[in-house]
Amino acid sequence: MPDLDPTLPYCYLTTTGRTSGEPREIEIWFALSENTLFLMAGGREKAHWVRNIQKTPAATVRLDGVTYAATARLVAAGSEEDALARRLLFEKYSPGYSGDLASWRDTALPVALEIETRAAGL
């Protein structure tokens, strides 16, 4: 399993555009629990990157210059994993954020990425 740094401020998620088929990269906050990387979409299912992974769950995640293959999925609402994702992201980012992240923590859509391996050829 890769040695990932949970203290990095961002990761770079690349999804496949649901209509274009082209790679789409975003910079996004993340939290890590073992080999699962959690993200949260404030726009919920309307976020383009969420819509992309719903069509094509295969993605890549770049952390500290290293790209990893991953499989994305929505986290089941009300599950223990849902609570974990919300807690980890809120605890990581709220101390350094000037606003109140409580509403984001409570309403955003958690997404899990299972980190597989370092992506071939990268």
PDB file of N, CA and C in Angstrom:
ATOM      1  N   MET A   1       0.846  -1.184   0.000  1.00  0.00           N
ATOM      2  CA  MET A   1       0.000   0.000   0.000  1.00  0.00           C
ATOM      3  C   MET A   1       0.890   1.245   0.000  1.00  0.00           C
ATOM      4  N   PRO A   2       0.520   2.241  -0.749  1.00  0.00           N
ATOM      5  CA  PRO A   2       1.352   3.449  -0.817  1.00  0.00           C
ATOM      6  C   PRO A   2       1.385   4.184   0.519  1.00  0.00           C
ATOM      7  N   ASP A   3       2.492   4.870   0.747  1.00  0.00           N
ATOM      8  CA  ASP A   3       2.652   5.689   1.942  1.00  0.00           C
ATOM      9  C   ASP A   3       2.185   7.101   1.593  1.00  0.00           C
ATOM     10  N   LEU A   4       0.961   7.447   1.964  1.00  0.00           N
ATOM     11  CA  LEU A   4       0.371   8.733   1.613  1.00  0.00           C
ATOM     12  C   LEU A   4       0.470   9.697   2.783  1.00  0.00           C
ATOM     13  N   ASP A   5       0.696  10.959   2.482  1.00  0.00           N
ATOM     14  CA  ASP A   5       0.849  11.992   3.511  1.00  0.00           C
ATOM     15  C   ASP A   5      -0.497  12.671   3.771  1.00  0.00           C
ATOM     16  N   PRO A   6      -1.130  12.401   4.914  1.00  0.00           N
ATOM     17  CA  PRO A   6      -2.442  12.987   5.204  1.00  0.00           C
ATOM     18  C   PRO A   6      -2.393  14.473   5.532  1.00  0.00           C
ATOM     19  N   THR A   7      -1.185  15.033   5.717  1.00  0.00           N
ATOM     20  CA  THR A   7      -1.084  16.440   6.100  1.00  0.00           C
ATOM     21  C   THR A   7      -1.025  17.391   4.903  1.00  0.00           C
ATOM     22  N   LEU A   8      -0.906  16.848   3.691  1.00  0.00           N
ATOM     23  CA  LEU A   8      -0.886  17.720   2.513  1.00  0.00           C
ATOM     24  C   LEU A   8      -2.192  18.512   2.460  1.00  0.00           C
ATOM     25  N   PRO A   9      -2.148  19.758   1.993  1.00  0.00           N
ATOM     26  CA  PRO A   9      -3.365  20.579   2.008  1.00  0.00           C
ATOM     27  C   PRO A   9      -4.393  20.205   0.952  1.00  0.00           C
ATOM     28  N   TYR A  10      -3.960  19.656  -0.172  1.00  0.00           N
ATOM     29  CA  TYR A  10      -4.854  19.345  -1.284  1.00  0.00           C
ATOM     30  C   TYR A  10      -4.426  18.047  -1.942  1.00  0.00           C
ATOM     31  N   CYS A  11      -5.355  17.490  -2.700  1.00  0.00           N
ATOM     32  CA  CYS A  11      -5.015  16.451  -3.662  1.00  0.00           C
ATOM     33  C   CYS A  11      -5.557  16.911  -5.004  1.00  0.00           C
ATOM     34  N   TYR A  12      -5.151  16.237  -6.050  1.00  0.00           N
ATOM     35  CA  TYR A  12      -5.593  16.564  -7.399  1.00  0.00           C
ATOM     36  C   TYR A  12      -6.306  15.339  -7.957  1.00  0.00           C
ATOM     37  N   LEU A  13      -7.597  15.475  -8.126  1.00  0.00           N
ATOM     38  CA  LEU A  13      -8.448  14.385  -8.594  1.00  0.00           C
ATOM     39  C   LEU A  13      -8.665  14.538 -10.094  1.00  0.00           C
ATOM     40  N   THR A  14      -8.414  13.468 -10.836  1.00  0.00           N
ATOM     41  CA  THR A  14      -8.704  13.465 -12.265  1.00  0.00           C
ATOM     42  C   THR A  14      -9.781  12.431 -12.534  1.00  0.00           C
ATOM     43  N   THR A  15     -10.874  12.916 -13.104  1.00  0.00           N
ATOM     44  CA  THR A  15     -11.989  12.062 -13.499  1.00  0.00           C
ATOM     45  C   THR A  15     -12.080  12.082 -15.017  1.00  0.00           C
ATOM     46  N   THR A  16     -12.947  11.239 -15.551  1.00  0.00           N
ATOM     47  CA  THR A  16     -13.209  11.229 -16.989  1.00  0.00           C
ATOM     48  C   THR A  16     -14.506  11.990 -17.229  1.00  0.00           C
ATOM     49  N   GLY A  17     -14.446  13.009 -18.068  1.00  0.00           N
ATOM     50  CA  GLY A  17     -15.634  13.800 -18.379  1.00  0.00           C
ATOM     51  C   GLY A  17     -16.756  12.909 -18.883  1.00  0.00           C
ATOM     52  N   ARG A  18     -17.933  13.042 -18.301  1.00  0.00           N
ATOM     53  CA  ARG A  18     -19.042  12.133 -18.607  1.00  0.00           C
ATOM     54  C   ARG A  18     -19.562  12.275 -20.028  1.00  0.00           C
ATOM     55  N   THR A  19     -19.397  13.439 -20.646  1.00  0.00           N
ATOM     56  CA  THR A  19     -19.841  13.580 -22.037  1.00  0.00           C
ATOM     57  C   THR A  19     -18.653  13.680 -22.992  1.00  0.00           C
ATOM     58  N   SER A  20     -17.582  14.326 -22.561  1.00  0.00           N
ATOM     59  CA  SER A  20     -16.432  14.515 -23.454  1.00  0.00           C
ATOM     60  C   SER A  20     -15.513  13.299 -23.499  1.00  0.00           C
ATOM     61  N   GLY A  21     -15.460  12.549 -22.405  1.00  0.00           N
ATOM     62  CA  GLY A  21     -14.501  11.450 -22.310  1.00  0.00           C
ATOM     63  C   GLY A  21     -13.085  11.919 -22.050  1.00  0.00           C
ATOM     64  N   GLU A  22     -12.904  13.233 -21.863  1.00  0.00           N
ATOM     65  CA  GLU A  22     -11.585  13.819 -21.632  1.00  0.00           C
ATOM     66  C   GLU A  22     -11.278  13.864 -20.137  1.00  0.00           C
ATOM     67  N   PRO A  23      -9.994  13.840 -19.766  1.00  0.00           N
ATOM     68  CA  PRO A  23      -9.626  13.952 -18.357  1.00  0.00           C
ATOM     69  C   PRO A  23      -9.987  15.324 -17.800  1.00  0.00           C
ATOM     70  N   ARG A  24     -10.489  15.349 -16.580  1.00  0.00           N
ATOM     71  CA  ARG A  24     -10.861  16.585 -15.890  1.00  0.00           C
ATOM     72  C   ARG A  24     -10.216  16.567 -14.503  1.00  0.00           C
ATOM     73  N   GLU A  25      -9.334  17.550 -14.248  1.00  0.00           N
ATOM     74  CA  GLU A  25      -8.613  17.598 -12.978  1.00  0.00           C
ATOM     75  C   GLU A  25      -9.117  18.743 -12.116  1.00  0.00           C
ATOM     76  N   ILE A  26      -9.287  18.458 -10.827  1.00  0.00           N
ATOM     77  CA  ILE A  26      -9.622  19.496  -9.857  1.00  0.00           C
ATOM     78  C   ILE A  26      -8.669  19.395  -8.666  1.00  0.00           C
ATOM     79  N   GLU A  27      -8.458  20.519  -8.010  1.00  0.00           N
ATOM     80  CA  GLU A  27      -7.742  20.571  -6.740  1.00  0.00           C
ATOM     81  C   GLU A  27      -8.815  20.551  -5.665  1.00  0.00           C
ATOM     82  N   ILE A  28      -8.656  19.693  -4.653  1.00  0.00           N
ATOM     83  CA  ILE A  28      -9.720  19.534  -3.673  1.00  0.00           C
ATOM     84  C   ILE A  28      -9.152  19.115  -2.320  1.00  0.00           C
ATOM     85  N   TRP A  29      -9.857  19.530  -1.266  1.00  0.00           N
ATOM     86  CA  TRP A  29      -9.508  19.089   0.089  1.00  0.00           C
ATOM     87  C   TRP A  29      -9.751  17.594   0.214  1.00  0.00           C
ATOM     88  N   PHE A  30      -8.959  16.957   1.072  1.00  0.00           N
ATOM     89  CA  PHE A  30      -9.108  15.517   1.285  1.00  0.00           C
ATOM     90  C   PHE A  30      -8.751  15.154   2.713  1.00  0.00           C
ATOM     91  N   ALA A  31      -9.220  13.999   3.121  1.00  0.00           N
ATOM     92  CA  ALA A  31      -8.802  13.394   4.375  1.00  0.00           C
ATOM     93  C   ALA A  31      -8.529  11.925   4.073  1.00  0.00           C
ATOM     94  N   LEU A  32      -7.659  11.335   4.848  1.00  0.00           N
ATOM     95  CA  LEU A  32      -7.208   9.981   4.587  1.00  0.00           C
ATOM     96  C   LEU A  32      -7.478   9.088   5.787  1.00  0.00           C
ATOM     97  N   SER A  33      -7.962   7.897   5.512  1.00  0.00           N
ATOM     98  CA  SER A  33      -8.129   6.862   6.525  1.00  0.00           C
ATOM     99  C   SER A  33      -7.665   5.554   5.902  1.00  0.00           C
ATOM    100  N   GLU A  34      -6.482   5.103   6.302  1.00  0.00           N
ATOM    101  CA  GLU A  34      -5.839   3.921   5.728  1.00  0.00           C
ATOM    102  C   GLU A  34      -5.695   4.118   4.216  1.00  0.00           C
ATOM    103  N   ASN A  35      -6.297   3.249   3.386  1.00  0.00           N
ATOM    104  CA  ASN A  35      -6.139   3.409   1.933  1.00  0.00           C
ATOM    105  C   ASN A  35      -7.358   4.068   1.293  1.00  0.00           C
ATOM    106  N   THR A  36      -8.207   4.685   2.113  1.00  0.00           N
ATOM    107  CA  THR A  36      -9.374   5.387   1.591  1.00  0.00           C
ATOM    108  C   THR A  36      -9.168   6.888   1.735  1.00  0.00           C
ATOM    109  N   LEU A  37      -9.349   7.584   0.639  1.00  0.00           N
ATOM    110  CA  LEU A  37      -9.243   9.033   0.614  1.00  0.00           C
ATOM    111  C   LEU A  37     -10.669   9.576   0.518  1.00  0.00           C
ATOM    112  N   PHE A  38     -11.021  10.476   1.432  1.00  0.00           N
ATOM    113  CA  PHE A  38     -12.363  11.050   1.458  1.00  0.00           C
ATOM    114  C   PHE A  38     -12.342  12.474   0.919  1.00  0.00           C
ATOM    115  N   LEU A  39     -13.358  12.799   0.134  1.00  0.00           N
ATOM    116  CA  LEU A  39     -13.590  14.139  -0.400  1.00  0.00           C
ATOM    117  C   LEU A  39     -15.032  14.497  -0.060  1.00  0.00           C
ATOM    118  N   MET A  40     -15.356  15.781  -0.117  1.00  0.00           N
ATOM    119  CA  MET A  40     -16.754  16.170   0.061  1.00  0.00           C
ATOM    120  C   MET A  40     -17.133  17.204  -0.988  1.00  0.00           C
ATOM    121  N   ALA A  41     -18.300  17.004  -1.577  1.00  0.00           N
ATOM    122  CA  ALA A  41     -18.814  17.893  -2.619  1.00  0.00           C
ATOM    123  C   ALA A  41     -19.887  18.795  -2.033  1.00  0.00           C
ATOM    124  N   GLY A  42     -19.557  20.076  -1.911  1.00  0.00           N
ATOM    125  CA  GLY A  42     -20.537  21.041  -1.415  1.00  0.00           C
ATOM    126  C   GLY A  42     -21.736  21.153  -2.341  1.00  0.00           C
ATOM    127  N   GLY A  43     -21.518  20.943  -3.628  1.00  0.00           N
ATOM    128  CA  GLY A  43     -22.596  20.980  -4.604  1.00  0.00           C
ATOM    129  C   GLY A  43     -23.328  19.651  -4.731  1.00  0.00           C
ATOM    130  N   ARG A  44     -22.942  18.697  -3.861  1.00  0.00           N
ATOM    131  CA  ARG A  44     -23.546  17.370  -3.839  1.00  0.00           C
ATOM    132  C   ARG A  44     -23.529  16.738  -5.235  1.00  0.00           C
ATOM    133  N   GLU A  45     -24.625  16.118  -5.658  1.00  0.00           N
ATOM    134  CA  GLU A  45     -24.673  15.409  -6.939  1.00  0.00           C
ATOM    135  C   GLU A  45     -24.606  16.343  -8.148  1.00  0.00           C
ATOM    136  N   LYS A  46     -24.746  17.646  -7.942  1.00  0.00           N
ATOM    137  CA  LYS A  46     -24.653  18.590  -9.052  1.00  0.00           C
ATOM    138  C   LYS A  46     -23.210  18.906  -9.436  1.00  0.00           C
ATOM    139  N   ALA A  47     -22.263  18.609  -8.549  1.00  0.00           N
ATOM    140  CA  ALA A  47     -20.851  18.880  -8.841  1.00  0.00           C
ATOM    141  C   ALA A  47     -20.424  18.046 -10.049  1.00  0.00           C
ATOM    142  N   HIS A  48     -19.760  18.683 -10.982  1.00  0.00           N
ATOM    143  CA  HIS A  48     -19.364  17.983 -12.206  1.00  0.00           C
ATOM    144  C   HIS A  48     -18.491  16.771 -11.918  1.00  0.00           C
ATOM    145  N   TRP A  49     -17.551  16.914 -10.964  1.00  0.00           N
ATOM    146  CA  TRP A  49     -16.676  15.783 -10.688  1.00  0.00           C
ATOM    147  C   TRP A  49     -17.453  14.614 -10.100  1.00  0.00           C
ATOM    148  N   VAL A  50     -18.501  14.877  -9.328  1.00  0.00           N
ATOM    149  CA  VAL A  50     -19.333  13.798  -8.783  1.00  0.00           C
ATOM    150  C   VAL A  50     -20.100  13.124  -9.924  1.00  0.00           C
ATOM    151  N   ARG A  51     -20.654  13.914 -10.812  1.00  0.00           N
ATOM    152  CA  ARG A  51     -21.380  13.354 -11.950  1.00  0.00           C
ATOM    153  C   ARG A  51     -20.448  12.525 -12.835  1.00  0.00           C
ATOM    154  N   ASN A  52     -19.200  12.980 -12.955  1.00  0.00           N
ATOM    155  CA  ASN A  52     -18.221  12.215 -13.733  1.00  0.00           C
ATOM    156  C   ASN A  52     -17.950  10.852 -13.103  1.00  0.00           C
ATOM    157  N   ILE A  53     -17.728  10.801 -11.801  1.00  0.00           N
ATOM    158  CA  ILE A  53     -17.418   9.506 -11.161  1.00  0.00           C
ATOM    159  C   ILE A  53     -18.633   8.596 -11.095  1.00  0.00           C
ATOM    160  N   GLN A  54     -19.830   9.179 -11.098  1.00  0.00           N
ATOM    161  CA  GLN A  54     -21.012   8.326 -11.122  1.00  0.00           C
ATOM    162  C   GLN A  54     -21.086   7.569 -12.451  1.00  0.00           C
ATOM    163  N   LYS A  55     -20.611   8.182 -13.516  1.00  0.00           N
ATOM    164  CA  LYS A  55     -20.585   7.505 -14.815  1.00  0.00           C
ATOM    165  C   LYS A  55     -19.371   6.599 -14.946  1.00  0.00           C
ATOM    166  N   THR A  56     -18.210   7.114 -14.520  1.00  0.00           N
ATOM    167  CA  THR A  56     -16.954   6.358 -14.633  1.00  0.00           C
ATOM    168  C   THR A  56     -16.218   6.436 -13.299  1.00  0.00           C
ATOM    169  N   PRO A  57     -16.346   5.407 -12.449  1.00  0.00           N
ATOM    170  CA  PRO A  57     -15.717   5.452 -11.121  1.00  0.00           C
ATOM    171  C   PRO A  57     -14.194   5.410 -11.118  1.00  0.00           C
ATOM    172  N   ALA A  58     -13.581   4.943 -12.206  1.00  0.00           N
ATOM    173  CA  ALA A  58     -12.117   4.905 -12.265  1.00  0.00           C
ATOM    174  C   ALA A  58     -11.594   6.332 -12.329  1.00  0.00           C
ATOM    175  N   ALA A  59     -10.619   6.632 -11.475  1.00  0.00           N
ATOM    176  CA  ALA A  59     -10.059   7.980 -11.390  1.00  0.00           C
ATOM    177  C   ALA A  59      -8.588   7.868 -11.028  1.00  0.00           C
ATOM    178  N   THR A  60      -7.916   9.017 -11.016  1.00  0.00           N
ATOM    179  CA  THR A  60      -6.571   9.068 -10.459  1.00  0.00           C
ATOM    180  C   THR A  60      -6.522  10.194  -9.443  1.00  0.00           C
ATOM    181  N   VAL A  61      -5.621  10.038  -8.493  1.00  0.00           N
ATOM    182  CA  VAL A  61      -5.400  11.036  -7.450  1.00  0.00           C
ATOM    183  C   VAL A  61      -3.907  11.315  -7.389  1.00  0.00           C
ATOM    184  N   ARG A  62      -3.556  12.599  -7.446  1.00  0.00           N
ATOM    185  CA  ARG A  62      -2.147  13.004  -7.353  1.00  0.00           C
ATOM    186  C   ARG A  62      -1.921  13.644  -6.006  1.00  0.00           C
ATOM    187  N   LEU A  63      -0.948  13.112  -5.294  1.00  0.00           N
ATOM    188  CA  LEU A  63      -0.541  13.627  -3.988  1.00  0.00           C
ATOM    189  C   LEU A  63       0.966  13.775  -3.984  1.00  0.00           C
ATOM    190  N   ASP A  64       1.429  14.987  -3.698  1.00  0.00           N
ATOM    191  CA  ASP A  64       2.865  15.245  -3.591  1.00  0.00           C
ATOM    192  C   ASP A  64       3.618  14.776  -4.835  1.00  0.00           C
ATOM    193  N   GLY A  65       3.009  15.000  -6.006  1.00  0.00           N
ATOM    194  CA  GLY A  65       3.665  14.675  -7.266  1.00  0.00           C
ATOM    195  C   GLY A  65       3.568  13.225  -7.703  1.00  0.00           C
ATOM    196  N   VAL A  66       2.924  12.378  -6.925  1.00  0.00           N
ATOM    197  CA  VAL A  66       2.768  10.966  -7.281  1.00  0.00           C
ATOM    198  C   VAL A  66       1.303  10.711  -7.608  1.00  0.00           C
ATOM    199  N   THR A  67       1.056  10.036  -8.720  1.00  0.00           N
ATOM    200  CA  THR A  67      -0.311   9.755  -9.159  1.00  0.00           C
ATOM    201  C   THR A  67      -0.660   8.308  -8.868  1.00  0.00           C
ATOM    202  N   TYR A  68      -1.849   8.107  -8.282  1.00  0.00           N
ATOM    203  CA  TYR A  68      -2.339   6.795  -7.899  1.00  0.00           C
ATOM    204  C   TYR A  68      -3.652   6.501  -8.610  1.00  0.00           C
ATOM    205  N   ALA A  69      -3.833   5.255  -8.998  1.00  0.00           N
ATOM    206  CA  ALA A  69      -5.119   4.807  -9.524  1.00  0.00           C
ATOM    207  C   ALA A  69      -6.079   4.675  -8.342  1.00  0.00           C
ATOM    208  N   ALA A  70      -7.349   4.970  -8.588  1.00  0.00           N
ATOM    209  CA  ALA A  70      -8.349   4.883  -7.530  1.00  0.00           C
ATOM    210  C   ALA A  70      -9.702   4.548  -8.133  1.00  0.00           C
ATOM    211  N   THR A  71     -10.571   4.022  -7.280  1.00  0.00           N
ATOM    212  CA  THR A  71     -11.959   3.785  -7.655  1.00  0.00           C
ATOM    213  C   THR A  71     -12.821   4.605  -6.715  1.00  0.00           C
ATOM    214  N   ALA A  72     -13.660   5.456  -7.294  1.00  0.00           N
ATOM    215  CA  ALA A  72     -14.490   6.374  -6.507  1.00  0.00           C
ATOM    216  C   ALA A  72     -15.889   5.808  -6.319  1.00  0.00           C
ATOM    217  N   ARG A  73     -16.501   6.188  -5.190  1.00  0.00           N
ATOM    218  CA  ARG A  73     -17.884   5.810  -4.908  1.00  0.00           C
ATOM    219  C   ARG A  73     -18.481   6.807  -3.938  1.00  0.00           C
ATOM    220  N   LEU A  74     -19.782   6.968  -4.004  1.00  0.00           N
ATOM    221  CA  LEU A  74     -20.477   7.805  -3.033  1.00  0.00           C
ATOM    222  C   LEU A  74     -20.553   7.043  -1.718  1.00  0.00           C
ATOM    223  N   VAL A  75     -20.432   7.750  -0.618  1.00  0.00           N
ATOM    224  CA  VAL A  75     -20.517   7.144   0.706  1.00  0.00           C
ATOM    225  C   VAL A  75     -21.992   7.046   1.087  1.00  0.00           C
ATOM    226  N   ALA A  76     -22.372   5.919   1.659  1.00  0.00           N
ATOM    227  CA  ALA A  76     -23.771   5.711   2.059  1.00  0.00           C
ATOM    228  C   ALA A  76     -24.161   6.704   3.157  1.00  0.00           C
ATOM    229  N   ALA A  77     -25.242   7.423   2.915  1.00  0.00           N
ATOM    230  CA  ALA A  77     -25.734   8.420   3.883  1.00  0.00           C
ATOM    231  C   ALA A  77     -26.081   7.751   5.203  1.00  0.00           C
ATOM    232  N   GLY A  78     -25.658   8.382   6.289  1.00  0.00           N
ATOM    233  CA  GLY A  78     -25.979   7.896   7.622  1.00  0.00           C
ATOM    234  C   GLY A  78     -25.133   6.739   8.115  1.00  0.00           C
ATOM    235  N   SER A  79     -24.175   6.285   7.296  1.00  0.00           N
ATOM    236  CA  SER A  79     -23.321   5.160   7.689  1.00  0.00           C
ATOM    237  C   SER A  79     -22.199   5.629   8.617  1.00  0.00           C
ATOM    238  N   GLU A  80     -21.514   4.667   9.220  1.00  0.00           N
ATOM    239  CA  GLU A  80     -20.337   4.994  10.038  1.00  0.00           C
ATOM    240  C   GLU A  80     -19.270   5.669   9.175  1.00  0.00           C
ATOM    241  N   GLU A  81     -19.140   5.214   7.946  1.00  0.00           N
ATOM    242  CA  GLU A  81     -18.160   5.802   7.028  1.00  0.00           C
ATOM    243  C   GLU A  81     -18.521   7.255   6.712  1.00  0.00           C
ATOM    244  N   ASP A  82     -19.815   7.550   6.589  1.00  0.00           N
ATOM    245  CA  ASP A  82     -20.294   8.912   6.360  1.00  0.00           C
ATOM    246  C   ASP A  82     -19.854   9.807   7.524  1.00  0.00           C
ATOM    247  N   ALA A  83     -20.084   9.358   8.732  1.00  0.00           N
ATOM    248  CA  ALA A  83     -19.693  10.134   9.921  1.00  0.00           C
ATOM    249  C   ALA A  83     -18.177  10.311   9.979  1.00  0.00           C
ATOM    250  N   LEU A  84     -17.434   9.255   9.646  1.00  0.00           N
ATOM    251  CA  LEU A  84     -15.970   9.324   9.654  1.00  0.00           C
ATOM    252  C   LEU A  84     -15.465  10.353   8.646  1.00  0.00           C
ATOM    253  N   ALA A  85     -15.974  10.311   7.427  1.00  0.00           N
ATOM    254  CA  ALA A  85     -15.534  11.243   6.387  1.00  0.00           C
ATOM    255  C   ALA A  85     -15.791  12.681   6.822  1.00  0.00           C
ATOM    256  N   ARG A  86     -16.979  12.959   7.322  1.00  0.00           N
ATOM    257  CA  ARG A  86     -17.337  14.311   7.747  1.00  0.00           C
ATOM    258  C   ARG A  86     -16.435  14.788   8.892  1.00  0.00           C
ATOM    259  N   ARG A  87     -16.208  13.903   9.854  1.00  0.00           N
ATOM    260  CA  ARG A  87     -15.377  14.258  11.011  1.00  0.00           C
ATOM    261  C   ARG A  87     -13.930  14.528  10.587  1.00  0.00           C
ATOM    262  N   LEU A  88     -13.367  13.637   9.788  1.00  0.00           N
ATOM    263  CA  LEU A  88     -11.965  13.796   9.387  1.00  0.00           C
ATOM    264  C   LEU A  88     -11.741  15.079   8.587  1.00  0.00           C
ATOM    265  N   LEU A  89     -12.618  15.350   7.632  1.00  0.00           N
ATOM    266  CA  LEU A  89     -12.458  16.561   6.820  1.00  0.00           C
ATOM    267  C   LEU A  89     -12.669  17.819   7.653  1.00  0.00           C
ATOM    268  N   PHE A  90     -13.664  17.826   8.508  1.00  0.00           N
ATOM    269  CA  PHE A  90     -13.932  18.997   9.343  1.00  0.00           C
ATOM    270  C   PHE A  90     -12.758  19.256  10.300  1.00  0.00           C
ATOM    271  N   GLU A  91     -12.267  18.197  10.938  1.00  0.00           N
ATOM    272  CA  GLU A  91     -11.151  18.360  11.882  1.00  0.00           C
ATOM    273  C   GLU A  91      -9.876  18.814  11.189  1.00  0.00           C
ATOM    274  N   LYS A  92      -9.661  18.376   9.963  1.00  0.00           N
ATOM    275  CA  LYS A  92      -8.447  18.757   9.244  1.00  0.00           C
ATOM    276  C   LYS A  92      -8.486  20.220   8.815  1.00  0.00           C
ATOM    277  N   TYR A  93      -9.629  20.691   8.307  1.00  0.00           N
ATOM    278  CA  TYR A  93      -9.670  22.008   7.675  1.00  0.00           C
ATOM    279  C   TYR A  93     -10.258  23.133   8.514  1.00  0.00           C
ATOM    280  N   SER A  94     -11.082  22.843   9.485  1.00  0.00           N
ATOM    281  CA  SER A  94     -11.713  23.949  10.226  1.00  0.00           C
ATOM    282  C   SER A  94     -10.731  24.799  11.027  1.00  0.00           C
ATOM    283  N   PRO A  95      -9.652  24.238  11.613  1.00  0.00           N
ATOM    284  CA  PRO A  95      -8.746  25.106  12.377  1.00  0.00           C
ATOM    285  C   PRO A  95      -8.084  26.204  11.547  1.00  0.00           C
ATOM    286  N   GLY A  96      -7.805  25.951  10.272  1.00  0.00           N
ATOM    287  CA  GLY A  96      -7.115  26.937   9.453  1.00  0.00           C
ATOM    288  C   GLY A  96      -8.029  27.730   8.538  1.00  0.00           C
ATOM    289  N   TYR A  97      -9.328  27.507   8.652  1.00  0.00           N
ATOM    290  CA  TYR A  97     -10.281  28.173   7.765  1.00  0.00           C
ATOM    291  C   TYR A  97     -10.923  29.332   8.502  1.00  0.00           C
ATOM    292  N   SER A  98     -11.030  30.473   7.847  1.00  0.00           N
ATOM    293  CA  SER A  98     -11.540  31.669   8.536  1.00  0.00           C
ATOM    294  C   SER A  98     -13.053  31.643   8.728  1.00  0.00           C
ATOM    295  N   GLY A  99     -13.761  30.853   7.940  1.00  0.00           N
ATOM    296  CA  GLY A  99     -15.219  30.788   8.076  1.00  0.00           C
ATOM    297  C   GLY A  99     -15.650  29.588   8.899  1.00  0.00           C
ATOM    298  N   ASP A 100     -16.950  29.392   8.942  1.00  0.00           N
ATOM    299  CA  ASP A 100     -17.530  28.270   9.679  1.00  0.00           C
ATOM    300  C   ASP A 100     -17.812  27.138   8.694  1.00  0.00           C
ATOM    301  N   LEU A 101     -17.196  25.994   8.904  1.00  0.00           N
ATOM    302  CA  LEU A 101     -17.375  24.855   8.012  1.00  0.00           C
ATOM    303  C   LEU A 101     -18.447  23.878   8.501  1.00  0.00           C
ATOM    304  N   ALA A 102     -19.177  24.228   9.549  1.00  0.00           N
ATOM    305  CA  ALA A 102     -20.173  23.307  10.112  1.00  0.00           C
ATOM    306  C   ALA A 102     -21.260  22.960   9.099  1.00  0.00           C
ATOM    307  N   SER A 103     -21.743  23.934   8.362  1.00  0.00           N
ATOM    308  CA  SER A 103     -22.793  23.667   7.374  1.00  0.00           C
ATOM    309  C   SER A 103     -22.261  22.747   6.270  1.00  0.00           C
ATOM    310  N   TRP A 104     -21.054  23.017   5.789  1.00  0.00           N
ATOM    311  CA  TRP A 104     -20.411  22.162   4.782  1.00  0.00           C
ATOM    312  C   TRP A 104     -20.268  20.744   5.322  1.00  0.00           C
ATOM    313  N   ARG A 105     -19.784  20.619   6.554  1.00  0.00           N
ATOM    314  CA  ARG A 105     -19.620  19.305   7.178  1.00  0.00           C
ATOM    315  C   ARG A 105     -20.947  18.546   7.207  1.00  0.00           C
ATOM    316  N   ASP A 106     -22.016  19.261   7.517  1.00  0.00           N
ATOM    317  CA  ASP A 106     -23.312  18.615   7.710  1.00  0.00           C
ATOM    318  C   ASP A 106     -24.088  18.348   6.420  1.00  0.00           C
ATOM    319  N   THR A 107     -23.793  19.094   5.348  1.00  0.00           N
ATOM    320  CA  THR A 107     -24.629  18.981   4.151  1.00  0.00           C
ATOM    321  C   THR A 107     -23.910  18.496   2.894  1.00  0.00           C
ATOM    322  N   ALA A 108     -22.596  18.575   2.854  1.00  0.00           N
ATOM    323  CA  ALA A 108     -21.855  18.160   1.655  1.00  0.00           C
ATOM    324  C   ALA A 108     -21.988  16.650   1.446  1.00  0.00           C
ATOM    325  N   LEU A 109     -21.712  16.223   0.237  1.00  0.00           N
ATOM    326  CA  LEU A 109     -21.795  14.809  -0.130  1.00  0.00           C
ATOM    327  C   LEU A 109     -20.415  14.156  -0.006  1.00  0.00           C
ATOM    328  N   PRO A 110     -20.257  13.199   0.906  1.00  0.00           N
ATOM    329  CA  PRO A 110     -18.971  12.506   1.024  1.00  0.00           C
ATOM    330  C   PRO A 110     -18.757  11.507  -0.117  1.00  0.00           C
ATOM    331  N   VAL A 111     -17.538  11.488  -0.606  1.00  0.00           N
ATOM    332  CA  VAL A 111     -17.130  10.569  -1.660  1.00  0.00           C
ATOM    333  C   VAL A 111     -15.871   9.861  -1.179  1.00  0.00           C
ATOM    334  N   ALA A 112     -15.815   8.554  -1.402  1.00  0.00           N
ATOM    335  CA  ALA A 112     -14.641   7.769  -1.020  1.00  0.00           C
ATOM    336  C   ALA A 112     -13.889   7.346  -2.266  1.00  0.00           C
ATOM    337  N   LEU A 113     -12.584   7.409  -2.197  1.00  0.00           N
ATOM    338  CA  LEU A 113     -11.729   6.894  -3.260  1.00  0.00           C
ATOM    339  C   LEU A 113     -10.844   5.822  -2.653  1.00  0.00           C
ATOM    340  N   GLU A 114     -10.979   4.631  -3.175  1.00  0.00           N
ATOM    341  CA  GLU A 114     -10.115   3.533  -2.735  1.00  0.00           C
ATOM    342  C   GLU A 114      -8.841   3.621  -3.562  1.00  0.00           C
ATOM    343  N   ILE A 115      -7.745   3.940  -2.878  1.00  0.00           N
ATOM    344  CA  ILE A 115      -6.453   4.067  -3.552  1.00  0.00           C
ATOM    345  C   ILE A 115      -5.955   2.661  -3.861  1.00  0.00           C
ATOM    346  N   GLU A 116      -5.631   2.443  -5.110  1.00  0.00           N
ATOM    347  CA  GLU A 116      -5.224   1.102  -5.529  1.00  0.00           C
ATOM    348  C   GLU A 116      -3.711   0.976  -5.587  1.00  0.00           C
ATOM    349  N   THR A 117      -3.098   1.612  -6.544  1.00  0.00           N
ATOM    350  CA  THR A 117      -1.653   1.514  -6.722  1.00  0.00           C
ATOM    351  C   THR A 117      -1.167   2.776  -7.391  1.00  0.00           C
ATOM    352  N   ARG A 118       0.124   2.887  -7.473  1.00  0.00           N
ATOM    353  CA  ARG A 118       0.692   3.973  -8.268  1.00  0.00           C
ATOM    354  C   ARG A 118       0.261   3.730  -9.711  1.00  0.00           C
ATOM    355  N   ALA A 119      -0.257   4.742 -10.368  1.00  0.00           N
ATOM    356  CA  ALA A 119      -0.783   4.591 -11.732  1.00  0.00           C
ATOM    357  C   ALA A 119       0.341   4.232 -12.700  1.00  0.00           C
ATOM    358  N   ALA A 120       0.098   3.268 -13.550  1.00  0.00           N
ATOM    359  CA  ALA A 120       1.091   2.809 -14.528  1.00  0.00           C
ATOM    360  C   ALA A 120       1.520   3.954 -15.445  1.00  0.00           C
ATOM    361  N   GLY A 121       2.801   4.020 -15.700  1.00  0.00           N
ATOM    362  CA  GLY A 121       3.335   5.013 -16.624  1.00  0.00           C
ATOM    363  C   GLY A 121       3.434   6.407 -16.063  1.00  0.00           C
ATOM    364  N   LEU A 122       3.129   6.585 -14.792  1.00  0.00           N
ATOM    365  CA  LEU A 122       3.179   7.941 -14.209  1.00  0.00           C
ATOM    366  C   LEU A 122       4.222   8.016 -13.128  1.00  0.00           C
TER     367      LEU A 122
END
